[in-house]
């Protein structure tokens, strides 16, 4: 599962800083529902792709296992 966050600046913080505990709970719940509905026997990893678009350049960061299933 990948959550993508994009910002035009990091002035207020990194994109990943804007993923709230409530958002994490919703993402985990949605993935849990998906896995259960399809009767999948898989391990789920939650990653974040953080993108900052400044001028004509992109700074992209891939955060693997960004948060844990709880």
PDB file of N, CA and C in Angstrom:
ATOM      1  N   UNK A   1       0.857  -1.165   0.000  1.00  0.00           N
ATOM      2  CA  UNK A   1       0.000   0.000   0.000  1.00  0.00           C
ATOM      3  C   UNK A   1       0.899   1.223   0.000  1.00  0.00           C
ATOM      4  N   UNK A   2       0.601   2.170  -0.878  1.00  0.00           N
ATOM      5  CA  UNK A   2       1.418   3.372  -0.973  1.00  0.00           C
ATOM      6  C   UNK A   2       0.530   4.609  -0.843  1.00  0.00           C
ATOM      7  N   UNK A   3       0.894   5.494   0.032  1.00  0.00           N
ATOM      8  CA  UNK A   3       0.250   6.803   0.165  1.00  0.00           C
ATOM      9  C   UNK A   3       1.201   7.808  -0.467  1.00  0.00           C
ATOM     10  N   UNK A   4       0.701   8.614  -1.391  1.00  0.00           N
ATOM     11  CA  UNK A   4       1.516   9.616  -2.068  1.00  0.00           C
ATOM     12  C   UNK A   4       1.104  10.996  -1.571  1.00  0.00           C
ATOM     13  N   UNK A   5       2.078  11.757  -1.105  1.00  0.00           N
ATOM     14  CA  UNK A   5       1.830  13.131  -0.642  1.00  0.00           C
ATOM     15  C   UNK A   5       2.731  14.064  -1.429  1.00  0.00           C
ATOM     16  N   UNK A   6       2.137  15.132  -1.952  1.00  0.00           N
ATOM     17  CA  UNK A   6       2.876  16.101  -2.760  1.00  0.00           C
ATOM     18  C   UNK A   6       2.704  17.488  -2.164  1.00  0.00           C
ATOM     19  N   UNK A   7       3.770  18.235  -2.161  1.00  0.00           N
ATOM     20  CA  UNK A   7       3.753  19.626  -1.717  1.00  0.00           C
ATOM     21  C   UNK A   7       4.600  20.452  -2.683  1.00  0.00           C
ATOM     22  N   UNK A   8       4.294  21.741  -2.752  1.00  0.00           N
ATOM     23  CA  UNK A   8       5.075  22.626  -3.622  1.00  0.00           C
ATOM     24  C   UNK A   8       6.261  23.235  -2.878  1.00  0.00           C
ATOM     25  N   UNK A   9       6.291  23.033  -1.566  1.00  0.00           N
ATOM     26  CA  UNK A   9       7.395  23.534  -0.758  1.00  0.00           C
ATOM     27  C   UNK A   9       7.470  22.715   0.528  1.00  0.00           C
ATOM     28  N   UNK A  10       8.625  22.729   1.146  1.00  0.00           N
ATOM     29  CA  UNK A  10       8.744  22.076   2.458  1.00  0.00           C
ATOM     30  C   UNK A  10       8.775  23.109   3.582  1.00  0.00           C
ATOM     31  N   UNK A  11       8.337  24.320   3.278  1.00  0.00           N
ATOM     32  CA  UNK A  11       8.354  25.405   4.261  1.00  0.00           C
ATOM     33  C   UNK A  11       7.592  25.039   5.535  1.00  0.00           C
ATOM     34  N   UNK A  12       6.451  24.373   5.376  1.00  0.00           N
ATOM     35  CA  UNK A  12       5.631  24.007   6.540  1.00  0.00           C
ATOM     36  C   UNK A  12       5.920  22.600   7.042  1.00  0.00           C
ATOM     37  N   UNK A  13       6.837  21.895   6.405  1.00  0.00           N
ATOM     38  CA  UNK A  13       7.177  20.538   6.801  1.00  0.00           C
ATOM     39  C   UNK A  13       7.225  19.615   5.605  1.00  0.00           C
ATOM     40  N   UNK A  14       7.692  18.433   5.834  1.00  0.00           N
ATOM     41  CA  UNK A  14       7.777  17.422   4.776  1.00  0.00           C
ATOM     42  C   UNK A  14       6.396  16.867   4.458  1.00  0.00           C
ATOM     43  N   UNK A  15       6.181  16.426   3.228  1.00  0.00           N
ATOM     44  CA  UNK A  15       4.864  15.894   2.864  1.00  0.00           C
ATOM     45  C   UNK A  15       4.379  14.779   3.796  1.00  0.00           C
ATOM     46  N   UNK A  16       5.278  13.887   4.188  1.00  0.00           N
ATOM     47  CA  UNK A  16       4.878  12.778   5.052  1.00  0.00           C
ATOM     48  C   UNK A  16       4.395  13.237   6.429  1.00  0.00           C
ATOM     49  N   UNK A  17       4.774  14.443   6.825  1.00  0.00           N
ATOM     50  CA  UNK A  17       4.333  14.960   8.121  1.00  0.00           C
ATOM     51  C   UNK A  17       2.838  15.279   8.146  1.00  0.00           C
ATOM     52  N   UNK A  18       2.210  15.306   6.973  1.00  0.00           N
ATOM     53  CA  UNK A  18       0.802  15.656   6.880  1.00  0.00           C
ATOM     54  C   UNK A  18      -0.112  14.434   6.845  1.00  0.00           C
ATOM     55  N   UNK A  19       0.447  13.267   7.091  1.00  0.00           N
ATOM     56  CA  UNK A  19      -0.365  12.058   7.213  1.00  0.00           C
ATOM     57  C   UNK A  19      -0.680  11.891   8.695  1.00  0.00           C
ATOM     58  N   UNK A  20      -1.896  12.172   9.043  1.00  0.00           N
ATOM     59  CA  UNK A  20      -2.331  12.181  10.439  1.00  0.00           C
ATOM     60  C   UNK A  20      -2.617  10.765  10.941  1.00  0.00           C
ATOM     61  N   UNK A  21      -2.661  10.590  12.250  1.00  0.00           N
ATOM     62  CA  UNK A  21      -3.047   9.282  12.793  1.00  0.00           C
ATOM     63  C   UNK A  21      -4.430   8.845  12.287  1.00  0.00           C
ATOM     64  N   UNK A  22      -5.344   9.799  12.110  1.00  0.00           N
ATOM     65  CA  UNK A  22      -6.673   9.466  11.584  1.00  0.00           C
ATOM     66  C   UNK A  22      -6.561   8.922  10.156  1.00  0.00           C
ATOM     67  N   UNK A  23      -5.732   9.544   9.324  1.00  0.00           N
ATOM     68  CA  UNK A  23      -5.526   9.091   7.945  1.00  0.00           C
ATOM     69  C   UNK A  23      -4.901   7.698   7.941  1.00  0.00           C
ATOM     70  N   UNK A  24      -3.924   7.469   8.812  1.00  0.00           N
ATOM     71  CA  UNK A  24      -3.299   6.148   8.910  1.00  0.00           C
ATOM     72  C   UNK A  24      -4.340   5.097   9.267  1.00  0.00           C
ATOM     73  N   UNK A  25      -5.200   5.422  10.213  1.00  0.00           N
ATOM     74  CA  UNK A  25      -6.250   4.489  10.623  1.00  0.00           C
ATOM     75  C   UNK A  25      -7.179   4.168   9.448  1.00  0.00           C
ATOM     76  N   UNK A  26      -7.537   5.172   8.652  1.00  0.00           N
ATOM     77  CA  UNK A  26      -8.400   4.952   7.491  1.00  0.00           C
ATOM     78  C   UNK A  26      -7.706   4.089   6.428  1.00  0.00           C
ATOM     79  N   UNK A  27      -6.426   4.344   6.191  1.00  0.00           N
ATOM     80  CA  UNK A  27      -5.665   3.560   5.211  1.00  0.00           C
ATOM     81  C   UNK A  27      -5.580   2.103   5.651  1.00  0.00           C
ATOM     82  N   UNK A  28      -5.260   1.882   6.912  1.00  0.00           N
ATOM     83  CA  UNK A  28      -5.137   0.517   7.438  1.00  0.00           C
ATOM     84  C   UNK A  28      -6.489  -0.192   7.370  1.00  0.00           C
ATOM     85  N   UNK A  29      -7.547   0.514   7.725  1.00  0.00           N
ATOM     86  CA  UNK A  29      -8.885  -0.071   7.686  1.00  0.00           C
ATOM     87  C   UNK A  29      -9.274  -0.457   6.259  1.00  0.00           C
ATOM     88  N   UNK A  30      -9.001   0.414   5.305  1.00  0.00           N
ATOM     89  CA  UNK A  30      -9.322   0.129   3.909  1.00  0.00           C
ATOM     90  C   UNK A  30      -8.535  -1.086   3.410  1.00  0.00           C
ATOM     91  N   UNK A  31      -7.268  -1.157   3.750  1.00  0.00           N
ATOM     92  CA  UNK A  31      -6.445  -2.287   3.308  1.00  0.00           C
ATOM     93  C   UNK A  31      -6.901  -3.579   3.973  1.00  0.00           C
ATOM     94  N   UNK A  32      -7.249  -3.504   5.248  1.00  0.00           N
ATOM     95  CA  UNK A  32      -7.749  -4.676   5.954  1.00  0.00           C
ATOM     96  C   UNK A  32      -9.012  -5.194   5.280  1.00  0.00           C
ATOM     97  N   UNK A  33      -9.921  -4.293   4.949  1.00  0.00           N
ATOM     98  CA  UNK A  33     -11.163  -4.670   4.274  1.00  0.00           C
ATOM     99  C   UNK A  33     -10.858  -5.333   2.925  1.00  0.00           C
ATOM    100  N   UNK A  34      -9.945  -4.748   2.172  1.00  0.00           N
ATOM    101  CA  UNK A  34      -9.557  -5.292   0.859  1.00  0.00           C
ATOM    102  C   UNK A  34      -9.022  -6.711   0.993  1.00  0.00           C
ATOM    103  N   UNK A  35      -8.130  -6.923   1.938  1.00  0.00           N
ATOM    104  CA  UNK A  35      -7.514  -8.242   2.139  1.00  0.00           C
ATOM    105  C   UNK A  35      -8.556  -9.268   2.584  1.00  0.00           C
ATOM    106  N   UNK A  36      -9.423  -8.879   3.505  1.00  0.00           N
ATOM    107  CA  UNK A  36     -10.446  -9.795   4.018  1.00  0.00           C
ATOM    108  C   UNK A  36     -11.469 -10.127   2.925  1.00  0.00           C
ATOM    109  N   UNK A  37     -11.941  -9.125   2.205  1.00  0.00           N
ATOM    110  CA  UNK A  37     -12.946  -9.336   1.154  1.00  0.00           C
ATOM    111  C   UNK A  37     -12.450 -10.274   0.065  1.00  0.00           C
ATOM    112  N   UNK A  38     -11.176 -10.221  -0.237  1.00  0.00           N
ATOM    113  CA  UNK A  38     -10.619 -11.050  -1.298  1.00  0.00           C
ATOM    114  C   UNK A  38      -9.953 -12.313  -0.767  1.00  0.00           C
ATOM    115  N   UNK A  39     -10.081 -12.526   0.545  1.00  0.00           N
ATOM    116  CA  UNK A  39      -9.538 -13.714   1.199  1.00  0.00           C
ATOM    117  C   UNK A  39      -8.069 -13.932   0.817  1.00  0.00           C
ATOM    118  N   UNK A  40      -7.294 -12.867   0.927  1.00  0.00           N
ATOM    119  CA  UNK A  40      -5.880 -12.901   0.565  1.00  0.00           C
ATOM    120  C   UNK A  40      -5.026 -13.310   1.762  1.00  0.00           C
ATOM    121  N   UNK A  41      -4.013 -14.079   1.490  1.00  0.00           N
ATOM    122  CA  UNK A  41      -3.049 -14.465   2.520  1.00  0.00           C
ATOM    123  C   UNK A  41      -1.741 -13.746   2.200  1.00  0.00           C
ATOM    124  N   UNK A  42      -1.687 -12.480   2.552  1.00  0.00           N
ATOM    125  CA  UNK A  42      -0.537 -11.644   2.214  1.00  0.00           C
ATOM    126  C   UNK A  42      -0.115 -10.805   3.409  1.00  0.00           C
ATOM    127  N   UNK A  43       1.149 -10.411   3.390  1.00  0.00           N
ATOM    128  CA  UNK A  43       1.632  -9.426   4.346  1.00  0.00           C
ATOM    129  C   UNK A  43       1.522  -8.066   3.675  1.00  0.00           C
ATOM    130  N   UNK A  44       1.059  -7.085   4.405  1.00  0.00           N
ATOM    131  CA  UNK A  44       0.877  -5.750   3.845  1.00  0.00           C
ATOM    132  C   UNK A  44       1.939  -4.821   4.401  1.00  0.00           C
ATOM    133  N   UNK A  45       2.525  -4.053   3.494  1.00  0.00           N
ATOM    134  CA  UNK A  45       3.511  -3.046   3.885  1.00  0.00           C
ATOM    135  C   UNK A  45       2.939  -1.684   3.523  1.00  0.00           C
ATOM    136  N   UNK A  46       3.123  -0.721   4.398  1.00  0.00           N
ATOM    137  CA  UNK A  46       2.610   0.629   4.169  1.00  0.00           C
ATOM    138  C   UNK A  46       3.782   1.571   3.912  1.00  0.00           C
ATOM    139  N   UNK A  47       3.863   2.060   2.680  1.00  0.00           N
ATOM    140  CA  UNK A  47       4.927   2.972   2.266  1.00  0.00           C
ATOM    141  C   UNK A  47       4.349   4.362   2.005  1.00  0.00           C
ATOM    142  N   UNK A  48       5.222   5.341   1.998  1.00  0.00           N
ATOM    143  CA  UNK A  48       4.857   6.709   1.631  1.00  0.00           C
ATOM    144  C   UNK A  48       5.808   7.172   0.537  1.00  0.00           C
ATOM    145  N   UNK A  49       5.250   7.774  -0.497  1.00  0.00           N
ATOM    146  CA  UNK A  49       6.043   8.469  -1.501  1.00  0.00           C
ATOM    147  C   UNK A  49       5.821   9.961  -1.233  1.00  0.00           C
ATOM    148  N   UNK A  50       6.878  10.650  -0.849  1.00  0.00           N
ATOM    149  CA  UNK A  50       6.812  12.083  -0.537  1.00  0.00           C
ATOM    150  C   UNK A  50       7.449  12.859  -1.686  1.00  0.00           C
ATOM    151  N   UNK A  51       6.688  13.787  -2.253  1.00  0.00           N
ATOM    152  CA  UNK A  51       7.166  14.546  -3.413  1.00  0.00           C
ATOM    153  C   UNK A  51       7.095  16.037  -3.101  1.00  0.00           C
ATOM    154  N   UNK A  52       8.200  16.720  -3.348  1.00  0.00           N
ATOM    155  CA  UNK A  52       8.226  18.178  -3.251  1.00  0.00           C
ATOM    156  C   UNK A  52       8.586  18.702  -4.636  1.00  0.00           C
ATOM    157  N   UNK A  53       7.703  19.534  -5.167  1.00  0.00           N
ATOM    158  CA  UNK A  53       7.905  20.118  -6.495  1.00  0.00           C
ATOM    159  C   UNK A  53       8.311  21.566  -6.315  1.00  0.00           C
ATOM    160  N   UNK A  54       9.576  21.849  -6.531  1.00  0.00           N
ATOM    161  CA  UNK A  54      10.094  23.205  -6.384  1.00  0.00           C
ATOM    162  C   UNK A  54      10.677  23.659  -7.706  1.00  0.00           C
ATOM    163  N   UNK A  55      10.156  24.773  -8.199  1.00  0.00           N
ATOM    164  CA  UNK A  55      10.585  25.335  -9.483  1.00  0.00           C
ATOM    165  C   UNK A  55      10.406  24.274 -10.561  1.00  0.00           C
ATOM    166  N   UNK A  56      11.455  23.851 -11.215  1.00  0.00           N
ATOM    167  CA  UNK A  56      11.351  22.851 -12.276  1.00  0.00           C
ATOM    168  C   UNK A  56      11.925  21.505 -11.868  1.00  0.00           C
ATOM    169  N   UNK A  57      12.018  21.260 -10.579  1.00  0.00           N
ATOM    170  CA  UNK A  57      12.616  20.018 -10.097  1.00  0.00           C
ATOM    171  C   UNK A  57      11.688  19.320  -9.107  1.00  0.00           C
ATOM    172  N   UNK A  58      11.868  18.021  -9.012  1.00  0.00           N
ATOM    173  CA  UNK A  58      11.122  17.218  -8.059  1.00  0.00           C
ATOM    174  C   UNK A  58      12.088  16.546  -7.102  1.00  0.00           C
ATOM    175  N   UNK A  59      11.755  16.587  -5.828  1.00  0.00           N
ATOM    176  CA  UNK A  59      12.495  15.818  -4.821  1.00  0.00           C
ATOM    177  C   UNK A  59      11.543  14.699  -4.396  1.00  0.00           C
ATOM    178  N   UNK A  60      11.950  13.455  -4.645  1.00  0.00           N
ATOM    179  CA  UNK A  60      11.091  12.315  -4.350  1.00  0.00           C
ATOM    180  C   UNK A  60      11.774  11.428  -3.321  1.00  0.00           C
ATOM    181  N   UNK A  61      11.004  11.086  -2.304  1.00  0.00           N
ATOM    182  CA  UNK A  61      11.521  10.219  -1.240  1.00  0.00           C
ATOM    183  C   UNK A  61      10.559   9.054  -1.043  1.00  0.00           C
ATOM    184  N   UNK A  62      11.103   7.831  -1.032  1.00  0.00           N
ATOM    185  CA  UNK A  62      10.299   6.626  -0.804  1.00  0.00           C
ATOM    186  C   UNK A  62      10.582   6.134   0.614  1.00  0.00           C
ATOM    187  N   UNK A  63       9.580   6.213   1.455  1.00  0.00           N
ATOM    188  CA  UNK A  63       9.713   5.758   2.833  1.00  0.00           C
ATOM    189  C   UNK A  63       9.062   4.375   2.954  1.00  0.00           C
ATOM    190  N   UNK A  64       9.903   3.367   3.048  1.00  0.00           N
ATOM    191  CA  UNK A  64       9.402   1.992   3.156  1.00  0.00           C
ATOM    192  C   UNK A  64       8.993   1.714   4.595  1.00  0.00           C
ATOM    193  N   UNK A  65       7.925   0.937   4.727  1.00  0.00           N
ATOM    194  CA  UNK A  65       7.394   0.592   6.058  1.00  0.00           C
ATOM    195  C   UNK A  65       7.239   1.843   6.910  1.00  0.00           C
ATOM    196  N   UNK A  66       6.566   2.826   6.360  1.00  0.00           N
ATOM    197  CA  UNK A  66       6.435   4.130   6.997  1.00  0.00           C
ATOM    198  C   UNK A  66       5.623   4.092   8.287  1.00  0.00           C
ATOM    199  N   UNK A  67       4.655   3.182   8.335  1.00  0.00           N
ATOM    200  CA  UNK A  67       3.916   2.989   9.584  1.00  0.00           C
ATOM    201  C   UNK A  67       3.502   1.537   9.660  1.00  0.00           C
ATOM    202  N   UNK A  68       3.226   1.096  10.848  1.00  0.00           N
ATOM    203  CA  UNK A  68       2.939  -0.306  11.077  1.00  0.00           C
ATOM    204  C   UNK A  68       1.439  -0.549  11.167  1.00  0.00           C
ATOM    205  N   UNK A  69       1.064  -1.744  10.812  1.00  0.00           N
ATOM    206  CA  UNK A  69      -0.324  -2.186  10.946  1.00  0.00           C
ATOM    207  C   UNK A  69      -0.623  -2.327  12.424  1.00  0.00           C
ATOM    208  N   UNK A  70      -1.721  -1.741  12.859  1.00  0.00           N
ATOM    209  CA  UNK A  70      -2.094  -1.854  14.283  1.00  0.00           C
ATOM    210  C   UNK A  70      -3.531  -2.250  14.442  1.00  0.00           C
TER     211      UNK A  70
END
